[in-house]
Amino acid sequence: MKDNGFEIVRAYTVINNWPKEYNILHKIERFLIMLNKSFGSRILLIGRKK
């Protein structure tokens, strides 16, 4: 975003919506996010044009 002239206003880690067959992956991802927010499978950035 910074390379394209945006400033980052907010960053979120978003948990993936795993199908029920992959319930263990959902639990692992939640645990990793508790350790460090950057371990999520998706990052949501909110930016503003400079």
Protein backbone atom coordinates (compact mmCIF):
# COMPACT_ATOMS: atom_id res chain seq x y z
CA MET A 1 0.00 0.00 0.00
CA LYS A 2 2.81 2.39 0.86
CA ASP A 3 4.44 1.82 -2.53
CA ASN A 4 1.18 2.94 -4.19
CA GLY A 5 0.78 6.16 -2.22
CA PHE A 6 -1.42 4.98 0.63
CA GLU A 7 -0.87 5.28 4.35
CA ILE A 8 -2.04 2.37 6.51
CA VAL A 9 -4.76 3.52 8.91
CA ARG A 10 -5.58 0.15 10.48
CA ALA A 11 -4.56 -3.49 10.09
CA TYR A 12 -6.59 -6.50 11.19
CA THR A 13 -5.98 -10.23 11.22
CA VAL A 14 -8.98 -12.09 9.87
CA ILE A 15 -9.64 -15.74 10.67
CA ASN A 16 -10.38 -17.89 7.65
CA ASN A 17 -13.82 -19.55 7.51
CA TRP A 18 -12.67 -23.15 7.30
CA PRO A 19 -15.25 -25.83 6.34
CA LYS A 20 -16.29 -28.18 9.15
CA GLU A 21 -14.03 -30.89 7.70
CA TYR A 22 -11.06 -28.63 8.53
CA ASN A 23 -12.10 -27.72 12.08
CA ILE A 24 -8.60 -28.53 13.39
CA LEU A 25 -7.11 -25.88 11.07
CA HIS A 26 -9.50 -23.29 12.48
CA LYS A 27 -8.43 -24.14 16.03
CA ILE A 28 -4.74 -24.01 15.11
CA GLU A 29 -5.17 -20.66 13.40
CA ARG A 30 -7.01 -19.19 16.40
CA PHE A 31 -4.22 -20.39 18.70
CA LEU A 32 -1.51 -18.89 16.47
CA ILE A 33 -3.33 -15.55 16.32
CA MET A 34 -3.40 -15.48 20.13
CA LEU A 35 0.40 -15.82 20.06
CA ASN A 36 0.95 -13.21 17.38
CA LYS A 37 -1.67 -11.40 15.29
CA SER A 38 0.47 -11.63 12.16
CA PHE A 39 -0.02 -15.43 12.01
CA GLY A 40 -3.54 -15.14 10.58
CA SER A 41 -4.29 -16.47 7.12
CA ARG A 42 -5.71 -13.12 5.98
CA ILE A 43 -4.72 -9.56 6.71
CA LEU A 44 -7.24 -6.74 6.22
CA LEU A 45 -5.71 -3.30 5.70
CA ILE A 46 -7.56 -0.01 5.77
CA GLY A 47 -5.67 2.74 4.03
CA ARG A 48 -5.96 6.36 3.02
CA LYS A 49 -4.58 8.00 -0.11
CA LYS A 50 -1.86 10.49 0.82
